[in-house]
Amino acid sequence: MSRVLVLSSDRQPLDPCHPARARQLLTAGKAAVFRRFPFTIILQTRTAAESRTHPHRLKLDPGSQTTGIAVVAEASGRGGVGGGTDPSRVADPRPAGQACPAMIRARTKPPTS
């Protein structure tokens, strides 16, 4: 998923936003393009002191020809080593032997003629 980097009016980094949100801010005149690669917008009126940010870290992917970058949220648990839930250990909320709703609908569907 792509994200757009955002800077406050005092050039401090804020949380990245979705490209659609960045388009809305640019169209409304509340932001301007700061840099094209990586695409970064700068907000016209909001400072870093007025904003709430979350911890992020920068990950580098050294490829054979180009180096990729990724901004990863620390608190979400995504992008790190380990963690997460093993799907085989998640309890099934249905009673034993009961089929999922999609299977029930498929069995009770009237035949087409």
PDB file of N, CA and C in Angstrom:
ATOM      1  N   MET A   1       0.849  -1.160   0.000  1.00  0.00           N
ATOM      2  CA  MET A   1       0.000   0.000   0.000  1.00  0.00           C
ATOM      3  C   MET A   1       0.898   1.227   0.000  1.00  0.00           C
ATOM      4  N   SER A   2       0.599   2.155  -0.893  1.00  0.00           N
ATOM      5  CA  SER A   2       1.423   3.349  -0.973  1.00  0.00           C
ATOM      6  C   SER A   2       0.901   4.414  -0.017  1.00  0.00           C
ATOM      7  N   ARG A   3       1.800   5.198   0.483  1.00  0.00           N
ATOM      8  CA  ARG A   3       1.474   6.289   1.386  1.00  0.00           C
ATOM      9  C   ARG A   3       2.229   7.521   0.915  1.00  0.00           C
ATOM     10  N   VAL A   4       1.717   8.681   1.286  1.00  0.00           N
ATOM     11  CA  VAL A   4       2.344   9.946   0.938  1.00  0.00           C
ATOM     12  C   VAL A   4       2.953  10.525   2.209  1.00  0.00           C
ATOM     13  N   LEU A   5       4.204  10.931   2.130  1.00  0.00           N
ATOM     14  CA  LEU A   5       4.867  11.528   3.283  1.00  0.00           C
ATOM     15  C   LEU A   5       4.344  12.945   3.487  1.00  0.00           C
ATOM     16  N   VAL A   6       4.197  13.339   4.762  1.00  0.00           N
ATOM     17  CA  VAL A   6       3.609  14.632   5.094  1.00  0.00           C
ATOM     18  C   VAL A   6       4.548  15.383   6.026  1.00  0.00           C
ATOM     19  N   LEU A   7       4.744  16.676   5.745  1.00  0.00           N
ATOM     20  CA  LEU A   7       5.526  17.553   6.608  1.00  0.00           C
ATOM     21  C   LEU A   7       4.618  18.646   7.158  1.00  0.00           C
ATOM     22  N   SER A   8       4.907  19.084   8.379  1.00  0.00           N
ATOM     23  CA  SER A   8       4.167  20.209   8.944  1.00  0.00           C
ATOM     24  C   SER A   8       4.697  21.508   8.340  1.00  0.00           C
ATOM     25  N   SER A   9       4.060  22.611   8.679  1.00  0.00           N
ATOM     26  CA  SER A   9       4.495  23.893   8.114  1.00  0.00           C
ATOM     27  C   SER A   9       5.884  24.286   8.593  1.00  0.00           C
ATOM     28  N   ASP A  10       6.322  23.728   9.741  1.00  0.00           N
ATOM     29  CA  ASP A  10       7.683  23.982  10.214  1.00  0.00           C
ATOM     30  C   ASP A  10       8.644  22.862   9.807  1.00  0.00           C
ATOM     31  N   ARG A  11       8.261  22.095   8.774  1.00  0.00           N
ATOM     32  CA  ARG A  11       9.075  21.048   8.145  1.00  0.00           C
ATOM     33  C   ARG A  11       9.427  19.878   9.066  1.00  0.00           C
ATOM     34  N   GLN A  12       8.558  19.578  10.004  1.00  0.00           N
ATOM     35  CA  GLN A  12       8.727  18.409  10.858  1.00  0.00           C
ATOM     36  C   GLN A  12       7.870  17.273  10.297  1.00  0.00           C
ATOM     37  N   PRO A  13       8.347  16.027  10.350  1.00  0.00           N
ATOM     38  CA  PRO A  13       7.575  14.922   9.770  1.00  0.00           C
ATOM     39  C   PRO A  13       6.324  14.607  10.582  1.00  0.00           C
ATOM     40  N   LEU A  14       5.220  14.360   9.869  1.00  0.00           N
ATOM     41  CA  LEU A  14       3.964  13.920  10.465  1.00  0.00           C
ATOM     42  C   LEU A  14       3.669  12.512   9.961  1.00  0.00           C
ATOM     43  N   ASP A  15       2.546  11.949  10.381  1.00  0.00           N
ATOM     44  CA  ASP A  15       2.177  10.613   9.930  1.00  0.00           C
ATOM     45  C   ASP A  15       1.895  10.619   8.429  1.00  0.00           C
ATOM     46  N   PRO A  16       2.310   9.580   7.705  1.00  0.00           N
ATOM     47  CA  PRO A  16       1.996   9.490   6.281  1.00  0.00           C
ATOM     48  C   PRO A  16       0.486   9.371   6.080  1.00  0.00           C
ATOM     49  N   CYS A  17       0.006   9.790   4.905  1.00  0.00           N
ATOM     50  CA  CYS A  17      -1.419   9.703   4.625  1.00  0.00           C
ATOM     51  C   CYS A  17      -1.645   8.956   3.310  1.00  0.00           C
ATOM     52  N   HIS A  18      -2.894   8.617   3.053  1.00  0.00           N
ATOM     53  CA  HIS A  18      -3.290   7.922   1.836  1.00  0.00           C
ATOM     54  C   HIS A  18      -3.215   8.909   0.660  1.00  0.00           C
ATOM     55  N   PRO A  19      -2.877   8.443  -0.537  1.00  0.00           N
ATOM     56  CA  PRO A  19      -2.792   9.346  -1.688  1.00  0.00           C
ATOM     57  C   PRO A  19      -4.083  10.124  -1.963  1.00  0.00           C
ATOM     58  N   ALA A  20      -5.248   9.527  -1.711  1.00  0.00           N
ATOM     59  CA  ALA A  20      -6.511  10.236  -1.929  1.00  0.00           C
ATOM     60  C   ALA A  20      -6.638  11.419  -0.974  1.00  0.00           C
ATOM     61  N   ARG A  21      -6.216  11.233   0.269  1.00  0.00           N
ATOM     62  CA  ARG A  21      -6.253  12.326   1.243  1.00  0.00           C
ATOM     63  C   ARG A  21      -5.283  13.432   0.817  1.00  0.00           C
ATOM     64  N   ALA A  22      -4.127  13.061   0.304  1.00  0.00           N
ATOM     65  CA  ALA A  22      -3.153  14.052  -0.162  1.00  0.00           C
ATOM     66  C   ALA A  22      -3.725  14.853  -1.330  1.00  0.00           C
ATOM     67  N   ARG A  23      -4.434  14.176  -2.250  1.00  0.00           N
ATOM     68  CA  ARG A  23      -5.072  14.883  -3.365  1.00  0.00           C
ATOM     69  C   ARG A  23      -6.099  15.884  -2.872  1.00  0.00           C
ATOM     70  N   GLN A  24      -6.878  15.486  -1.851  1.00  0.00           N
ATOM     71  CA  GLN A  24      -7.877  16.397  -1.290  1.00  0.00           C
ATOM     72  C   GLN A  24      -7.216  17.634  -0.695  1.00  0.00           C
ATOM     73  N   LEU A  25      -6.139  17.429   0.042  1.00  0.00           N
ATOM     74  CA  LEU A  25      -5.434  18.558   0.658  1.00  0.00           C
ATOM     75  C   LEU A  25      -4.824  19.472  -0.405  1.00  0.00           C
ATOM     76  N   LEU A  26      -4.269  18.882  -1.459  1.00  0.00           N
ATOM     77  CA  LEU A  26      -3.671  19.690  -2.518  1.00  0.00           C
ATOM     78  C   LEU A  26      -4.738  20.477  -3.276  1.00  0.00           C
ATOM     79  N   THR A  27      -5.870  19.846  -3.558  1.00  0.00           N
ATOM     80  CA  THR A  27      -6.949  20.513  -4.285  1.00  0.00           C
ATOM     81  C   THR A  27      -7.539  21.664  -3.474  1.00  0.00           C
ATOM     82  N   ALA A  28      -7.666  21.459  -2.160  1.00  0.00           N
ATOM     83  CA  ALA A  28      -8.242  22.489  -1.286  1.00  0.00           C
ATOM     84  C   ALA A  28      -7.256  23.612  -0.983  1.00  0.00           C
ATOM     85  N   GLY A  29      -6.012  23.456  -1.385  1.00  0.00           N
ATOM     86  CA  GLY A  29      -5.011  24.487  -1.127  1.00  0.00           C
ATOM     87  C   GLY A  29      -4.449  24.453   0.278  1.00  0.00           C
ATOM     88  N   LYS A  30      -4.716  23.360   1.005  1.00  0.00           N
ATOM     89  CA  LYS A  30      -4.215  23.245   2.382  1.00  0.00           C
ATOM     90  C   LYS A  30      -2.811  22.655   2.428  1.00  0.00           C
ATOM     91  N   ALA A  31      -2.315  22.189   1.286  1.00  0.00           N
ATOM     92  CA  ALA A  31      -0.980  21.594   1.215  1.00  0.00           C
ATOM     93  C   ALA A  31      -0.360  21.931  -0.138  1.00  0.00           C
ATOM     94  N   ALA A  32       0.962  21.775  -0.203  1.00  0.00           N
ATOM     95  CA  ALA A  32       1.697  21.984  -1.443  1.00  0.00           C
ATOM     96  C   ALA A  32       2.688  20.838  -1.613  1.00  0.00           C
ATOM     97  N   VAL A  33       3.102  20.587  -2.850  1.00  0.00           N
ATOM     98  CA  VAL A  33       4.083  19.538  -3.114  1.00  0.00           C
ATOM     99  C   VAL A  33       5.437  20.033  -2.629  1.00  0.00           C
ATOM    100  N   PHE A  34       6.062  19.264  -1.754  1.00  0.00           N
ATOM    101  CA  PHE A  34       7.370  19.625  -1.227  1.00  0.00           C
ATOM    102  C   PHE A  34       8.473  18.960  -2.040  1.00  0.00           C
ATOM    103  N   ARG A  35       8.272  17.685  -2.386  1.00  0.00           N
ATOM    104  CA  ARG A  35       9.264  16.929  -3.155  1.00  0.00           C
ATOM    105  C   ARG A  35       8.519  15.881  -3.974  1.00  0.00           C
ATOM    106  N   ARG A  36       9.015  15.599  -5.168  1.00  0.00           N
ATOM    107  CA  ARG A  36       8.335  14.630  -6.023  1.00  0.00           C
ATOM    108  C   ARG A  36       8.781  13.197  -5.773  1.00  0.00           C
ATOM    109  N   PHE A  37      10.022  12.977  -5.386  1.00  0.00           N
ATOM    110  CA  PHE A  37      10.469  11.622  -5.075  1.00  0.00           C
ATOM    111  C   PHE A  37      11.342  11.641  -3.844  1.00  0.00           C
ATOM    112  N   PRO A  38      10.977  10.949  -2.784  1.00  0.00           N
ATOM    113  CA  PRO A  38       9.672  10.348  -2.573  1.00  0.00           C
ATOM    114  C   PRO A  38       8.617  11.439  -2.432  1.00  0.00           C
ATOM    115  N   PHE A  39       7.426  11.170  -2.977  1.00  0.00           N
ATOM    116  CA  PHE A  39       6.387  12.200  -3.021  1.00  0.00           C
ATOM    117  C   PHE A  39       6.057  12.660  -1.607  1.00  0.00           C
ATOM    118  N   THR A  40       6.232  13.952  -1.366  1.00  0.00           N
ATOM    119  CA  THR A  40       6.050  14.536  -0.043  1.00  0.00           C
ATOM    120  C   THR A  40       5.255  15.821  -0.182  1.00  0.00           C
ATOM    121  N   ILE A  41       4.271  15.999   0.709  1.00  0.00           N
ATOM    122  CA  ILE A  41       3.526  17.246   0.731  1.00  0.00           C
ATOM    123  C   ILE A  41       3.841  17.985   2.021  1.00  0.00           C
ATOM    124  N   ILE A  42       3.686  19.305   1.983  1.00  0.00           N
ATOM    125  CA  ILE A  42       3.896  20.119   3.164  1.00  0.00           C
ATOM    126  C   ILE A  42       2.590  20.848   3.450  1.00  0.00           C
ATOM    127  N   LEU A  43       2.109  20.748   4.686  1.00  0.00           N
ATOM    128  CA  LEU A  43       0.869  21.410   5.075  1.00  0.00           C
ATOM    129  C   LEU A  43       1.115  22.898   5.258  1.00  0.00           C
ATOM    130  N   GLN A  44       0.152  23.713   4.866  1.00  0.00           N
ATOM    131  CA  GLN A  44       0.320  25.161   4.906  1.00  0.00           C
ATOM    132  C   GLN A  44       0.084  25.742   6.297  1.00  0.00           C
ATOM    133  N   THR A  45      -0.836  25.177   7.074  1.00  0.00           N
ATOM    134  CA  THR A  45      -1.235  25.823   8.326  1.00  0.00           C
ATOM    135  C   THR A  45      -0.918  25.029   9.579  1.00  0.00           C
ATOM    136  N   ARG A  46      -0.755  23.726   9.506  1.00  0.00           N
ATOM    137  CA  ARG A  46      -0.599  22.913  10.714  1.00  0.00           C
ATOM    138  C   ARG A  46       0.873  22.766  11.099  1.00  0.00           C
ATOM    139  N   THR A  47       1.173  22.975  12.384  1.00  0.00           N
ATOM    140  CA  THR A  47       2.534  22.786  12.888  1.00  0.00           C
ATOM    141  C   THR A  47       2.627  21.429  13.580  1.00  0.00           C
ATOM    142  N   ALA A  48       3.837  21.011  13.881  1.00  0.00           N
ATOM    143  CA  ALA A  48       4.046  19.722  14.539  1.00  0.00           C
ATOM    144  C   ALA A  48       3.494  19.737  15.957  1.00  0.00           C
ATOM    145  N   ALA A  49       3.507  20.888  16.623  1.00  0.00           N
ATOM    146  CA  ALA A  49       2.992  20.981  17.990  1.00  0.00           C
ATOM    147  C   ALA A  49       1.478  20.778  18.032  1.00  0.00           C
ATOM    148  N   GLU A  50       0.773  21.112  16.964  1.00  0.00           N
ATOM    149  CA  GLU A  50      -0.679  20.963  16.900  1.00  0.00           C
ATOM    150  C   GLU A  50      -1.096  19.558  16.476  1.00  0.00           C
ATOM    151  N   SER A  51      -0.165  18.729  16.069  1.00  0.00           N
ATOM    152  CA  SER A  51      -0.480  17.425  15.504  1.00  0.00           C
ATOM    153  C   SER A  51      -0.086  16.306  16.448  1.00  0.00           C
ATOM    154  N   ARG A  52      -0.801  15.189  16.313  1.00  0.00           N
ATOM    155  CA  ARG A  52      -0.461  13.998  17.072  1.00  0.00           C
ATOM    156  C   ARG A  52       0.190  13.012  16.101  1.00  0.00           C
ATOM    157  N   THR A  53       1.369  12.539  16.429  1.00  0.00           N
ATOM    158  CA  THR A  53       2.080  11.610  15.554  1.00  0.00           C
ATOM    159  C   THR A  53       2.317  10.293  16.280  1.00  0.00           C
ATOM    160  N   HIS A  54       2.599   9.268  15.504  1.00  0.00           N
ATOM    161  CA  HIS A  54       2.883   7.940  16.030  1.00  0.00           C
ATOM    162  C   HIS A  54       4.301   7.554  15.625  1.00  0.00           C
ATOM    163  N   PRO A  55       4.949   6.687  16.415  1.00  0.00           N
ATOM    164  CA  PRO A  55       6.330   6.314  16.071  1.00  0.00           C
ATOM    165  C   PRO A  55       6.407   5.499  14.782  1.00  0.00           C
ATOM    166  N   HIS A  56       7.335   5.867  13.920  1.00  0.00           N
ATOM    167  CA  HIS A  56       7.589   5.177  12.660  1.00  0.00           C
ATOM    168  C   HIS A  56       9.086   4.919  12.554  1.00  0.00           C
ATOM    169  N   ARG A  57       9.423   3.976  11.675  1.00  0.00           N
ATOM    170  CA  ARG A  57      10.839   3.764  11.386  1.00  0.00           C
ATOM    171  C   ARG A  57      10.995   3.555   9.895  1.00  0.00           C
ATOM    172  N   LEU A  58      12.167   3.827   9.415  1.00  0.00           N
ATOM    173  CA  LEU A  58      12.475   3.727   7.998  1.00  0.00           C
ATOM    174  C   LEU A  58      13.187   2.405   7.746  1.00  0.00           C
ATOM    175  N   LYS A  59      12.681   1.625   6.787  1.00  0.00           N
ATOM    176  CA  LYS A  59      13.319   0.364   6.430  1.00  0.00           C
ATOM    177  C   LYS A  59      13.872   0.500   5.021  1.00  0.00           C
ATOM    178  N   LEU A  60      15.070   0.002   4.810  1.00  0.00           N
ATOM    179  CA  LEU A  60      15.721   0.046   3.506  1.00  0.00           C
ATOM    180  C   LEU A  60      15.781  -1.350   2.912  1.00  0.00           C
ATOM    181  N   ASP A  61      15.526  -1.450   1.623  1.00  0.00           N
ATOM    182  CA  ASP A  61      15.582  -2.716   0.909  1.00  0.00           C
ATOM    183  C   ASP A  61      16.644  -2.603  -0.171  1.00  0.00           C
ATOM    184  N   PRO A  62      17.871  -3.078   0.118  1.00  0.00           N
ATOM    185  CA  PRO A  62      18.936  -2.982  -0.885  1.00  0.00           C
ATOM    186  C   PRO A  62      18.709  -3.998  -2.004  1.00  0.00           C
ATOM    187  N   GLY A  63      18.250  -3.520  -3.141  1.00  0.00           N
ATOM    188  CA  GLY A  63      18.026  -4.391  -4.293  1.00  0.00           C
ATOM    189  C   GLY A  63      19.290  -4.507  -5.125  1.00  0.00           C
ATOM    190  N   SER A  64      19.201  -5.264  -6.197  1.00  0.00           N
ATOM    191  CA  SER A  64      20.376  -5.449  -7.041  1.00  0.00           C
ATOM    192  C   SER A  64      20.679  -4.196  -7.863  1.00  0.00           C
ATOM    193  N   GLN A  65      19.631  -3.421  -8.234  1.00  0.00           N
ATOM    194  CA  GLN A  65      19.853  -2.234  -9.049  1.00  0.00           C
ATOM    195  C   GLN A  65      19.437  -0.947  -8.347  1.00  0.00           C
ATOM    196  N   THR A  66      18.355  -0.993  -7.585  1.00  0.00           N
ATOM    197  CA  THR A  66      17.893   0.201  -6.859  1.00  0.00           C
ATOM    198  C   THR A  66      17.632  -0.152  -5.402  1.00  0.00           C
ATOM    199  N   THR A  67      17.628   0.842  -4.568  1.00  0.00           N
ATOM    200  CA  THR A  67      17.343   0.659  -3.155  1.00  0.00           C
ATOM    201  C   THR A  67      15.946   1.160  -2.868  1.00  0.00           C
ATOM    202  N   GLY A  68      15.122   0.323  -2.249  1.00  0.00           N
ATOM    203  CA  GLY A  68      13.758   0.697  -1.906  1.00  0.00           C
ATOM    204  C   GLY A  68      13.680   1.169  -0.472  1.00  0.00           C
ATOM    205  N   ILE A  69      12.695   2.029  -0.191  1.00  0.00           N
ATOM    206  CA  ILE A  69      12.491   2.496   1.175  1.00  0.00           C
ATOM    207  C   ILE A  69      11.051   2.220   1.579  1.00  0.00           C
ATOM    208  N   ALA A  70      10.836   2.028   2.861  1.00  0.00           N
ATOM    209  CA  ALA A  70       9.493   1.813   3.395  1.00  0.00           C
ATOM    210  C   ALA A  70       9.413   2.465   4.766  1.00  0.00           C
ATOM    211  N   VAL A  71       8.291   3.129   5.025  1.00  0.00           N
ATOM    212  CA  VAL A  71       8.033   3.707   6.336  1.00  0.00           C
ATOM    213  C   VAL A  71       7.084   2.756   7.050  1.00  0.00           C
ATOM    214  N   VAL A  72       7.501   2.247   8.208  1.00  0.00           N
ATOM    215  CA  VAL A  72       6.738   1.238   8.928  1.00  0.00           C
ATOM    216  C   VAL A  72       6.329   1.795  10.278  1.00  0.00           C
ATOM    217  N   ALA A  73       5.049   1.621  10.625  1.00  0.00           N
ATOM    218  CA  ALA A  73       4.550   2.063  11.930  1.00  0.00           C
ATOM    219  C   ALA A  73       5.054   1.102  13.000  1.00  0.00           C
ATOM    220  N   GLU A  74       5.576   1.638  14.080  1.00  0.00           N
ATOM    221  CA  GLU A  74       6.113   0.818  15.155  1.00  0.00           C
ATOM    222  C   GLU A  74       5.014   0.117  15.935  1.00  0.00           C
ATOM    223  N   ALA A  75       3.937   0.811  16.253  1.00  0.00           N
ATOM    224  CA  ALA A  75       2.916   0.289  17.152  1.00  0.00           C
ATOM    225  C   ALA A  75       2.044  -0.780  16.522  1.00  0.00           C
ATOM    226  N   SER A  76       1.966  -0.845  15.201  1.00  0.00           N
ATOM    227  CA  SER A  76       1.030  -1.764  14.564  1.00  0.00           C
ATOM    228  C   SER A  76       1.522  -3.207  14.593  1.00  0.00           C
ATOM    229  N   GLY A  77       2.809  -3.424  14.767  1.00  0.00           N
ATOM    230  CA  GLY A  77       3.342  -4.774  14.779  1.00  0.00           C
ATOM    231  C   GLY A  77       3.591  -5.324  13.393  1.00  0.00           C
ATOM    232  N   ARG A  78       3.282  -4.551  12.342  1.00  0.00           N
ATOM    233  CA  ARG A  78       3.513  -5.013  10.981  1.00  0.00           C
ATOM    234  C   ARG A  78       4.945  -4.709  10.579  1.00  0.00           C
ATOM    235  N   GLY A  79       5.495  -5.547   9.754  1.00  0.00           N
ATOM    236  CA  GLY A  79       6.805  -5.297   9.199  1.00  0.00           C
ATOM    237  C   GLY A  79       7.952  -5.738  10.082  1.00  0.00           C
ATOM    238  N   GLY A  80       7.673  -6.246  11.229  1.00  0.00           N
ATOM    239  CA  GLY A  80       8.737  -6.673  12.129  1.00  0.00           C
ATOM    240  C   GLY A  80       8.974  -8.164  12.022  1.00  0.00           C
ATOM    241  N   VAL A  81       9.933  -8.650  12.767  1.00  0.00           N
ATOM    242  CA  VAL A  81      10.234 -10.071  12.790  1.00  0.00           C
ATOM    243  C   VAL A  81       9.425 -10.708  13.907  1.00  0.00           C
ATOM    244  N   GLY A  82       8.767 -11.817  13.602  1.00  0.00           N
ATOM    245  CA  GLY A  82       7.983 -12.514  14.612  1.00  0.00           C
ATOM    246  C   GLY A  82       6.674 -11.806  14.894  1.00  0.00           C
ATOM    247  N   GLY A  83       6.052 -12.168  15.998  1.00  0.00           N
ATOM    248  CA  GLY A  83       4.799 -11.541  16.382  1.00  0.00           C
ATOM    249  C   GLY A  83       3.647 -12.079  15.563  1.00  0.00           C
ATOM    250  N   GLY A  84       2.492 -11.496  15.726  1.00  0.00           N
ATOM    251  CA  GLY A  84       1.324 -11.935  14.988  1.00  0.00           C
ATOM    252  C   GLY A  84       0.677 -13.126  15.642  1.00  0.00           C
ATOM    253  N   THR A  85      -0.391 -13.602  15.055  1.00  0.00           N
ATOM    254  CA  THR A  85      -1.140 -14.735  15.585  1.00  0.00           C
ATOM    255  C   THR A  85      -1.084 -15.873  14.601  1.00  0.00           C
ATOM    256  N   ASP A  86      -0.808 -17.055  15.098  1.00  0.00           N
ATOM    257  CA  ASP A  86      -0.787 -18.243  14.265  1.00  0.00           C
ATOM    258  C   ASP A  86      -2.230 -18.615  13.924  1.00  0.00           C
ATOM    259  N   PRO A  87      -2.615 -18.636  12.638  1.00  0.00           N
ATOM    260  CA  PRO A  87      -4.007 -18.910  12.283  1.00  0.00           C
ATOM    261  C   PRO A  87      -4.498 -20.268  12.760  1.00  0.00           C
ATOM    262  N   SER A  88      -3.613 -21.242  12.889  1.00  0.00           N
ATOM    263  CA  SER A  88      -4.045 -22.562  13.334  1.00  0.00           C
ATOM    264  C   SER A  88      -4.385 -22.575  14.820  1.00  0.00           C
ATOM    265  N   ARG A  89      -3.985 -21.562  15.575  1.00  0.00           N
ATOM    266  CA  ARG A  89      -4.254 -21.527  17.006  1.00  0.00           C
ATOM    267  C   ARG A  89      -5.470 -20.661  17.355  1.00  0.00           C
ATOM    268  N   VAL A  90      -6.068 -20.005  16.367  1.00  0.00           N
ATOM    269  CA  VAL A  90      -7.232 -19.171  16.626  1.00  0.00           C
ATOM    270  C   VAL A  90      -8.445 -20.070  16.799  1.00  0.00           C
ATOM    271  N   ALA A  91      -9.231 -19.835  17.851  1.00  0.00           N
ATOM    272  CA  ALA A  91     -10.403 -20.658  18.119  1.00  0.00           C
ATOM    273  C   ALA A  91     -11.494 -20.361  17.102  1.00  0.00           C
ATOM    274  N   ASP A  92     -12.149 -21.410  16.611  1.00  0.00           N
ATOM    275  CA  ASP A  92     -13.253 -21.256  15.669  1.00  0.00           C
ATOM    276  C   ASP A  92     -14.512 -20.939  16.466  1.00  0.00           C
ATOM    277  N   PRO A  93     -15.219 -19.833  16.150  1.00  0.00           N
ATOM    278  CA  PRO A  93     -16.386 -19.466  16.945  1.00  0.00           C
ATOM    279  C   PRO A  93     -17.596 -20.366  16.709  1.00  0.00           C
ATOM    280  N   ARG A  94     -17.600 -21.175  15.627  1.00  0.00           N
ATOM    281  CA  ARG A  94     -18.736 -22.050  15.345  1.00  0.00           C
ATOM    282  C   ARG A  94     -18.609 -23.338  16.150  1.00  0.00           C
ATOM    283  N   PRO A  95     -19.744 -23.948  16.493  1.00  0.00           N
ATOM    284  CA  PRO A  95     -19.691 -25.258  17.160  1.00  0.00           C
ATOM    285  C   PRO A  95     -19.056 -26.295  16.236  1.00  0.00           C
ATOM    286  N   ALA A  96     -18.535 -27.351  16.835  1.00  0.00           N
ATOM    287  CA  ALA A  96     -17.860 -28.383  16.048  1.00  0.00           C
ATOM    288  C   ALA A  96     -18.820 -29.019  15.058  1.00  0.00           C
ATOM    289  N   GLY A  97     -18.378 -29.175  13.826  1.00  0.00           N
ATOM    290  CA  GLY A  97     -19.159 -29.818  12.794  1.00  0.00           C
ATOM    291  C   GLY A  97     -20.089 -28.896  12.029  1.00  0.00           C
ATOM    292  N   GLN A  98     -20.212 -27.645  12.430  1.00  0.00           N
ATOM    293  CA  GLN A  98     -21.113 -26.728  11.732  1.00  0.00           C
ATOM    294  C   GLN A  98     -20.366 -26.076  10.569  1.00  0.00           C
ATOM    295  N   ALA A  99     -21.002 -26.023   9.418  1.00  0.00           N
ATOM    296  CA  ALA A  99     -20.389 -25.448   8.224  1.00  0.00           C
ATOM    297  C   ALA A  99     -20.471 -23.925   8.274  1.00  0.00           C
ATOM    298  N   CYS A 100     -19.639 -23.289   7.477  1.00  0.00           N
ATOM    299  CA  CYS A 100     -19.671 -21.832   7.404  1.00  0.00           C
ATOM    300  C   CYS A 100     -20.919 -21.391   6.634  1.00  0.00           C
ATOM    301  N   PRO A 101     -21.393 -20.156   6.824  1.00  0.00           N
ATOM    302  CA  PRO A 101     -22.622 -19.700   6.160  1.00  0.00           C
ATOM    303  C   PRO A 101     -22.582 -19.807   4.641  1.00  0.00           C
ATOM    304  N   ALA A 102     -21.446 -19.588   4.022  1.00  0.00           N
ATOM    305  CA  ALA A 102     -21.359 -19.692   2.566  1.00  0.00           C
ATOM    306  C   ALA A 102     -21.626 -21.125   2.107  1.00  0.00           C
ATOM    307  N   MET A 103     -21.162 -22.089   2.854  1.00  0.00           N
ATOM    308  CA  MET A 103     -21.393 -23.492   2.496  1.00  0.00           C
ATOM    309  C   MET A 103     -22.867 -23.853   2.667  1.00  0.00           C
ATOM    310  N   ILE A 104     -23.500 -23.312   3.710  1.00  0.00           N
ATOM    311  CA  ILE A 104     -24.919 -23.593   3.940  1.00  0.00           C
ATOM    312  C   ILE A 104     -25.742 -23.014   2.798  1.00  0.00           C
ATOM    313  N   ARG A 105     -25.451 -21.774   2.380  1.00  0.00           N
ATOM    314  CA  ARG A 105     -26.177 -21.165   1.274  1.00  0.00           C
ATOM    315  C   ARG A 105     -25.989 -21.961  -0.018  1.00  0.00           C
ATOM    316  N   ALA A 106     -24.794 -22.454  -0.244  1.00  0.00           N
ATOM    317  CA  ALA A 106     -24.515 -23.208  -1.458  1.00  0.00           C
ATOM    318  C   ALA A 106     -25.322 -24.520  -1.490  1.00  0.00           C
ATOM    319  N   ARG A 107     -25.532 -25.145  -0.326  1.00  0.00           N
ATOM    320  CA  ARG A 107     -26.257 -26.406  -0.276  1.00  0.00           C
ATOM    321  C   ARG A 107     -27.755 -26.195  -0.405  1.00  0.00           C
ATOM    322  N   THR A 108     -28.291 -25.081   0.104  1.00  0.00           N
ATOM    323  CA  THR A 108     -29.735 -24.868   0.114  1.00  0.00           C
ATOM    324  C   THR A 108     -30.225 -24.078  -1.086  1.00  0.00           C
ATOM    325  N   LYS A 109     -29.357 -23.738  -2.014  1.00  0.00           N
ATOM    326  CA  LYS A 109     -29.732 -22.971  -3.183  1.00  0.00           C
ATOM    327  C   LYS A 109     -30.615 -23.838  -4.088  1.00  0.00           C
ATOM    328  N   PRO A 110     -31.749 -23.307  -4.558  1.00  0.00           N
ATOM    329  CA  PRO A 110     -32.610 -24.111  -5.420  1.00  0.00           C
ATOM    330  C   PRO A 110     -31.932 -24.384  -6.766  1.00  0.00           C
ATOM    331  N   PRO A 111     -32.160 -25.548  -7.334  1.00  0.00           N
ATOM    332  CA  PRO A 111     -31.530 -25.854  -8.632  1.00  0.00           C
ATOM    333  C   PRO A 111     -32.116 -24.993  -9.728  1.00  0.00           C
ATOM    334  N   THR A 112     -31.245 -24.625 -10.646  1.00  0.00           N
ATOM    335  CA  THR A 112     -31.697 -23.829 -11.801  1.00  0.00           C
ATOM    336  C   THR A 112     -32.111 -24.751 -12.917  1.00  0.00           C
ATOM    337  N   SER A 113     -33.168 -24.390 -13.621  1.00  0.00           N
ATOM    338  CA  SER A 113     -33.620 -25.262 -14.717  1.00  0.00           C
ATOM    339  C   SER A 113     -33.571 -24.568 -16.048  1.00  0.00           C
TER     340      SER A 113
END
